[in-house]
Structures are given as C-alpha cells and as structure tokens.
Protein backbone atom coordinates (compact mmCIF):
# COMPACT_ATOMS: atom_id res chain seq x y z
CA MET A 1 58.88 55.10 63.78
CA ASN A 2 59.92 52.13 65.93
CA TYR A 3 62.59 52.54 68.60
CA TYR A 4 65.01 50.33 70.48
CA GLU A 5 64.59 50.60 74.23
CA ILE A 6 67.55 49.63 76.41
CA THR A 7 66.85 49.07 80.10
CA LEU A 8 69.79 48.57 82.44
CA THR A 9 70.66 48.78 86.14
CA VAL A 10 73.72 50.79 87.10
CA CYS A 11 76.25 49.72 89.72
CA GLU A 12 77.22 51.65 92.84
CA PRO A 13 77.77 54.56 93.27
CA VAL A 14 74.36 54.98 91.65
CA ASP A 15 74.16 58.77 91.19
CA GLU A 16 77.62 59.01 89.67
CA ASN A 17 77.21 55.99 87.42
CA VAL A 18 73.75 57.04 86.19
CA GLU A 19 75.35 60.25 84.90
CA ILE A 20 78.31 58.42 83.35
CA VAL A 21 76.12 55.78 81.67
CA SER A 22 73.64 58.39 80.39
CA ALA A 23 76.43 60.54 78.98
CA TYR A 24 78.08 57.52 77.34
CA LEU A 25 74.84 56.46 75.66
CA GLY A 26 74.26 60.07 74.65
CA GLU A 27 77.57 60.05 72.78
CA PHE A 28 76.04 57.38 70.53
CA GLY A 29 72.80 59.25 69.96
CA PHE A 30 70.62 57.62 72.61
CA GLU A 31 68.09 59.67 74.55
CA GLY A 32 66.85 58.49 77.90
CA SER A 33 65.78 58.95 81.47
CA ALA A 34 66.66 57.47 84.85
CA GLU A 35 64.67 56.52 87.92
CA ASP A 36 66.88 55.57 90.85
CA GLU A 37 69.35 52.99 89.49
CA ILE A 38 67.33 52.14 86.36
CA VAL A 39 68.30 53.79 83.07
CA LYS A 40 66.10 53.59 79.98
CA ALA A 41 67.54 54.77 76.66
CA TYR A 42 66.01 55.02 73.21
CA LYS A 43 67.16 55.24 69.59
CA PRO A 44 65.39 54.66 66.24
CA ILE A 45 65.93 51.10 65.04
CA SER A 46 66.97 52.45 61.65
CA ASP A 47 70.00 54.16 63.21
CA ILE A 48 71.68 51.24 65.00
CA THR A 49 71.71 47.44 65.05
CA GLU A 50 70.96 45.22 68.02
CA ASP A 51 74.52 43.84 67.74
CA ASP A 52 75.92 47.36 68.10
CA ILE A 53 73.74 47.94 71.16
CA ASN A 54 75.02 44.71 72.73
CA LEU A 55 78.60 45.87 72.13
CA LEU A 56 77.90 49.22 73.81
CA VAL A 57 76.23 47.68 76.84
CA ASN A 58 78.90 44.99 77.21
CA GLU A 59 81.48 47.77 77.36
CA LEU A 60 79.52 49.40 80.20
CA ILE A 61 79.46 46.06 82.00
CA GLU A 62 83.20 45.57 81.53
CA LYS A 63 83.80 49.03 82.98
CA LYS A 64 81.66 47.97 85.99
CA LEU A 65 79.17 50.77 85.34
CA CYS A 66 76.13 48.51 85.10
CA PHE A 67 74.99 44.95 85.78
CA ASP A 68 74.54 42.29 83.11
CA ASP A 69 70.76 42.11 83.42
CA PHE A 70 70.05 44.62 80.66
CA SER A 71 67.17 44.19 78.21
CA ILE A 72 66.55 45.36 74.65
CA GLU A 73 63.05 45.81 73.24
CA ILE A 74 61.59 47.20 70.04
CA LEU A 75 58.89 49.77 70.77
CA ALA A 76 56.14 50.63 68.34
CA PRO A 77 54.40 54.04 68.59
CA LYS A 78 52.19 54.16 71.67
CA ASN A 79 50.47 56.54 74.06
CA TRP A 80 53.60 58.24 75.38
CA ASN A 81 51.59 60.84 77.30
CA GLU A 82 50.15 58.01 79.39
CA GLU A 83 53.60 56.48 79.89
CA TRP A 84 55.11 59.78 81.04
CA GLU A 85 52.17 60.52 83.32
CA LYS A 86 52.49 57.12 84.99
CA ASN A 87 56.26 57.03 85.32
CA TYR A 88 58.21 60.26 85.04
CA PHE A 89 56.82 63.67 84.22
CA GLN A 90 55.40 65.83 87.02
CA PRO A 91 54.73 69.60 86.92
CA ILE A 92 57.76 71.72 87.81
CA VAL A 93 58.43 75.42 88.44
CA ILE A 94 61.88 76.75 87.40
CA GLY A 95 63.31 80.07 88.49
CA ASP A 96 60.03 80.96 90.24
CA GLN A 97 58.76 82.16 86.85
CA CYS A 98 58.30 79.16 84.54
CA LEU A 99 55.81 76.36 85.12
CA ILE A 100 56.20 73.30 82.90
CA LYS A 101 53.34 70.84 82.84
CA SER A 102 51.54 68.53 80.45
CA SER A 103 48.04 68.77 79.05
CA PHE A 104 47.01 65.87 81.28
CA HIS A 105 48.14 67.63 84.49
CA GLU A 106 45.90 69.36 86.99
CA THR A 107 48.06 71.36 89.38
CA PRO A 108 47.64 74.31 91.75
CA LEU A 109 51.10 75.56 90.72
CA LYS A 110 51.17 78.92 88.92
CA ALA A 111 53.89 81.00 87.27
CA LYS A 112 54.37 83.97 84.98
CA TYR A 113 55.11 81.67 82.05
CA GLU A 114 53.21 78.40 81.77
CA ILE A 115 54.43 75.90 79.18
CA ILE A 116 52.43 72.84 78.15
CA ILE A 117 54.61 69.92 77.08
CA ASP A 118 53.37 66.52 75.94
CA PRO A 119 56.74 64.78 75.62
CA LYS A 120 55.85 61.49 73.92
CA MET A 121 59.20 59.93 72.91
CA SER A 122 61.07 63.25 72.98
CA PHE A 123 63.05 64.37 75.99
CA GLY A 124 63.13 67.68 77.77
CA THR A 125 60.55 68.22 80.50
CA GLY A 126 62.51 70.67 82.63
CA HIS A 127 63.45 68.09 85.24
CA HIS A 128 66.97 67.48 83.99
CA GLU A 129 69.65 69.84 85.29
CA THR A 130 70.73 70.90 81.80
CA THR A 131 67.21 71.92 80.77
CA SER A 132 66.55 73.79 84.01
CA MET A 133 69.83 75.75 83.70
CA MET A 134 68.99 76.75 80.14
CA VAL A 135 65.51 77.83 81.27
CA GLU A 136 67.16 79.99 83.94
CA TYR A 137 69.40 81.62 81.32
CA ILE A 138 66.44 82.36 79.04
CA LEU A 139 64.55 83.94 81.94
CA THR A 140 67.46 86.32 82.67
CA GLU A 141 68.59 87.15 79.11
CA ASN A 142 67.08 90.07 77.20
CA LEU A 143 65.36 88.29 74.31
CA LYS A 144 62.91 91.06 73.47
CA ASP A 145 62.68 91.45 69.66
CA ARG A 146 65.78 89.28 69.14
CA THR A 147 66.29 86.39 66.73
CA VAL A 148 66.98 83.00 68.32
CA MET A 149 68.30 79.61 67.15
CA ASP A 150 67.54 76.48 69.21
CA MET A 151 69.74 73.53 68.22
CA GLY A 152 68.67 70.06 69.37
CA THR A 153 65.16 71.31 70.12
CA GLY A 154 63.74 68.12 71.67
CA THR A 155 60.26 68.79 73.04
CA GLY A 156 60.62 72.51 72.27
CA ILE A 157 60.62 73.77 75.87
CA LEU A 158 63.49 76.23 75.46
CA GLY A 159 62.27 77.64 72.16
CA ILE A 160 58.71 77.99 73.42
CA LEU A 161 59.90 79.89 76.50
CA ALA A 162 62.12 82.13 74.35
CA CYS A 163 59.04 83.05 72.30
CA MET A 164 56.98 83.65 75.44
CA VAL A 165 59.54 86.09 76.86
CA GLY A 166 59.44 88.13 73.67
CA CYS A 167 61.90 87.00 71.01
CA LYS A 168 61.16 88.25 67.49
CA ASN A 169 61.38 84.84 65.83
CA LEU A 170 62.96 81.48 66.51
CA ILE A 171 64.24 78.59 64.40
CA GLY A 172 64.47 75.14 66.00
CA ILE A 173 66.53 72.32 64.48
CA ASP A 174 66.51 68.66 65.51
CA ASN A 175 67.76 65.61 63.61
CA ASP A 176 65.25 63.20 65.19
CA THR A 177 61.93 62.84 63.36
CA TRP A 178 60.04 62.17 66.58
CA CYS A 179 61.47 65.29 68.25
CA TYR A 180 60.69 67.34 65.14
CA GLU A 181 57.05 66.22 65.18
CA ASN A 182 56.67 66.46 68.95
CA ALA A 183 58.12 69.99 69.05
CA GLN A 184 55.64 71.08 66.39
CA GLU A 185 52.78 69.64 68.45
CA ASN A 186 53.97 71.45 71.57
CA ILE A 187 54.35 74.71 69.64
CA THR A 188 50.70 74.39 68.65
CA LEU A 189 49.63 73.48 72.21
CA ASN A 190 51.21 76.71 73.45
CA LYS A 191 49.77 78.84 70.63
CA ILE A 192 53.20 80.02 69.49
CA SER A 193 53.27 81.58 66.02
CA ASN A 194 56.90 82.72 65.60
CA PHE A 195 58.66 79.34 66.11
CA GLU A 196 59.69 77.43 62.97
CA MET A 197 60.90 73.82 63.28
CA ARG A 198 63.29 72.24 60.77
CA LEU A 199 64.39 68.61 60.53
CA GLY A 200 68.16 68.23 60.19
CA ASP A 201 71.50 69.01 61.82
CA ALA A 202 74.11 71.78 61.86
CA GLY A 203 74.39 71.51 58.08
CA LEU A 204 71.17 73.56 57.88
CA LEU A 205 72.88 76.54 59.48
CA LYS A 206 74.49 77.58 56.19
CA SER A 207 71.02 78.84 55.26
CA TYR A 208 71.21 81.40 58.11
CA PRO A 209 74.51 83.32 57.84
CA HIS A 210 75.00 85.80 60.71
CA GLN A 211 71.28 85.97 61.49
CA PHE A 212 70.91 85.16 65.19
CA ASP A 213 71.24 87.32 68.29
CA ILE A 214 70.87 84.37 70.69
CA PHE A 215 72.02 80.82 70.01
CA ILE A 216 70.86 77.96 72.29
CA ALA A 217 72.32 74.44 72.21
CA ASN A 218 71.55 71.85 74.89
CA ILE A 219 73.26 68.83 73.32
CA ASN A 220 75.98 66.38 74.33
CA ARG A 221 79.69 67.24 74.46
CA HIS A 222 80.56 65.31 71.30
CA ILE A 223 78.14 67.23 69.09
CA LEU A 224 78.95 70.60 70.65
CA LEU A 225 82.67 70.22 70.02
CA ALA A 226 82.01 69.22 66.41
CA ASP A 227 79.47 71.96 65.68
CA ILE A 228 80.46 75.11 67.58
CA LYS A 229 82.31 76.39 64.50
CA TYR A 230 79.05 76.14 62.53
CA TYR A 231 77.09 77.90 65.27
CA VAL A 232 79.45 80.88 65.07
CA GLU A 233 78.90 81.25 61.32
CA SER A 234 75.19 81.89 61.89
CA MET A 235 75.64 84.27 64.85
CA LYS A 236 75.67 88.07 64.62
CA PRO A 237 78.61 90.06 66.07
CA ASN A 238 78.20 90.46 69.85
CA SER A 239 75.57 87.72 69.94
CA THR A 240 75.16 85.26 72.82
CA LEU A 241 75.74 81.50 72.87
CA LEU A 242 74.10 79.47 75.66
CA LEU A 243 75.34 75.89 75.99
CA SER A 244 74.54 72.89 78.15
CA GLY A 245 74.48 69.10 77.98
CA PHE A 246 77.98 68.38 79.30
CA TYR A 247 79.82 67.82 82.58
CA GLU A 248 81.99 70.20 84.58
CA ASP A 249 85.12 68.28 83.54
CA ASP A 250 84.22 68.94 79.88
CA LEU A 251 84.12 72.72 80.27
CA VAL A 252 87.84 73.10 79.57
CA ASP A 253 87.44 71.52 76.12
CA ILE A 254 84.22 73.42 75.41
CA LYS A 255 85.83 76.75 76.36
CA ALA A 256 88.89 76.01 74.22
CA GLU A 257 86.74 75.25 71.17
CA CYS A 258 84.63 78.35 71.73
CA GLU A 259 87.66 80.61 72.15
CA LYS A 260 89.24 79.14 69.01
CA ASN A 261 86.15 80.33 67.15
CA GLY A 262 86.08 83.86 68.55
CA LEU A 263 83.76 83.33 71.51
CA MET A 264 84.48 84.84 74.92
CA PHE A 265 83.54 82.90 78.05
CA VAL A 266 81.23 84.89 80.37
CA GLU A 267 79.98 82.55 83.09
CA ARG A 268 78.81 79.08 84.00
CA LYS A 269 76.14 77.38 86.08
CA VAL A 270 76.65 73.98 87.72
CA LYS A 271 74.00 71.53 88.92
CA LYS A 272 74.97 68.02 90.02
CA ASN A 273 78.14 68.25 87.91
CA TRP A 274 76.19 69.28 84.78
CA VAL A 275 77.14 72.66 83.32
CA GLY A 276 75.38 75.52 81.61
CA ALA A 277 77.69 78.14 80.07
CA LYS A 278 77.36 81.56 78.46
CA PHE A 279 79.63 82.92 75.72
CA ILE A 280 79.67 86.15 73.70
CA LEU A 281 80.86 86.41 70.09
CA GLY A 282 83.36 89.26 69.81
C-alpha cells in the first residue's frame, strides 16, 4: 500500500504546536511522529486526495500553527525498520518492568517483560506519552486469566504486553491494513499465541457481546467519543476500560460520554498534557 507523507515545520511555541498539529491531523486519520519542530504524518493514498491534504495544511498555516514550507510525497513500501533505526526508534524501559526494543537493537537494558517491535509504517513504540501511560496501566492491572480487547492496535505493543502479563486471550482490532499486518508480525516475533488480530473498526464489536474483562483503546478523541457506546456493549459487568490518545482539556467530554454509558471514572494519568484514564462499568 502506498502512503501520503506530509512533512511540515511548526511555529513557536514548538512543543505546544507540535501537539496541536499532531492532534489535528489525527482527527483526520493521519498517523505520525515529530522530531523537534518537524512533524511527519502518513495516510494511505486511497483514503484522501492531495487536494484535501492541501486544504488541511493550509488551515494549519492560517491558524499560524505551521509554516508554509510543507511537502507532500507518495511513499511506496520500503525498509521501514531501517528508517526507524536511523531516525526515531530507540530502546525504552517503561515502569521499570517493560523493555521495548526492535529486532535490530543491541542494548544492555533489561526488564521483566521484553517486547520486540518492528514498527514499519505503524505507530506505537512506547515513546509517546499515551503509549507509555497505557503500558503503566497494564503493568498495574490484574490481567491474569482475563479476556482483553485492544482497539486501535497499531504495532501491537499493548496487546503483546497484556498477553505477557497473563491475560487469557486478547482480540486486537485496527482499521489500517498496514497496522493489521505489522501487529501480526510483531505477535509472531514475540511468540504470542493467544492474540488474534482483526481488520476493521468498532463495527466488529457486535461479534463480541459482553465478552471482555479489560478494554483498551489508545485512539484519538474523535473516535473515542463516537465509539465508547460500542465498547460498553462488549464489556462484562464490572469490567475495566483504559483510555488514552487525548488531551487533558478533552477529559471532561470523555468522562461525560463514559458516564452516559454507565461507566464510572476511577482515575487519570497526565504526561505533557496527554491523558490516560481508567473507568469501571457498573
């Protein structure tokens, strides 16, 4: 599958605007990464036109969030492991218990749980605040012999860790073909046998009525608000919902939607204005 790659330079204040630009692009289904003031975002060419991309970026320029020197390229499949090794992904330990590295890494770092991730075009290497908060939740939740759903699986980090800490079985769902394939590859790399990937969106949840003890969703605010009602339909009574992918200012809306659907707010984590939140279904 070919992808559009947008490269743009954010305006000052850099840290704040990187988060705003990334969240804005995420609302339109882009995945990406940032290094200093440079943001790179990706989306399958079949899902959006170049004209639509220009409209989105021009809006960011008009809002003075980025400069007008952006570029758009079409990327064919390539050696993404090499690209990540050269540019972004370095081994990381989260919560003093979980080491995330790639198959091309040699590192002296050790941890109780060691996850191998070759990210390719998928995103989720543990470096982003939302992923690290969700990893921390998984490390502290009792997942032993419990059934788990991982929505928006990405590279599969969260689902793989859930299996490592002892969940009974796990279903992962992602609507991006590249993520679906990459997660399957990473499941194999980590020798996980109780993790099933499915390609699709929240519409697949109707196949799993009231089946899950733990529900994980690290997705953007827009999708969470639209899909929380579907998550609840596949959760068991007294089950746990772990959410991330949104900002602290968004928590009010997320809590309201959860409470409307019978979920009780338990706690939150905050890292650089990103939020992880825990809810219980009454």
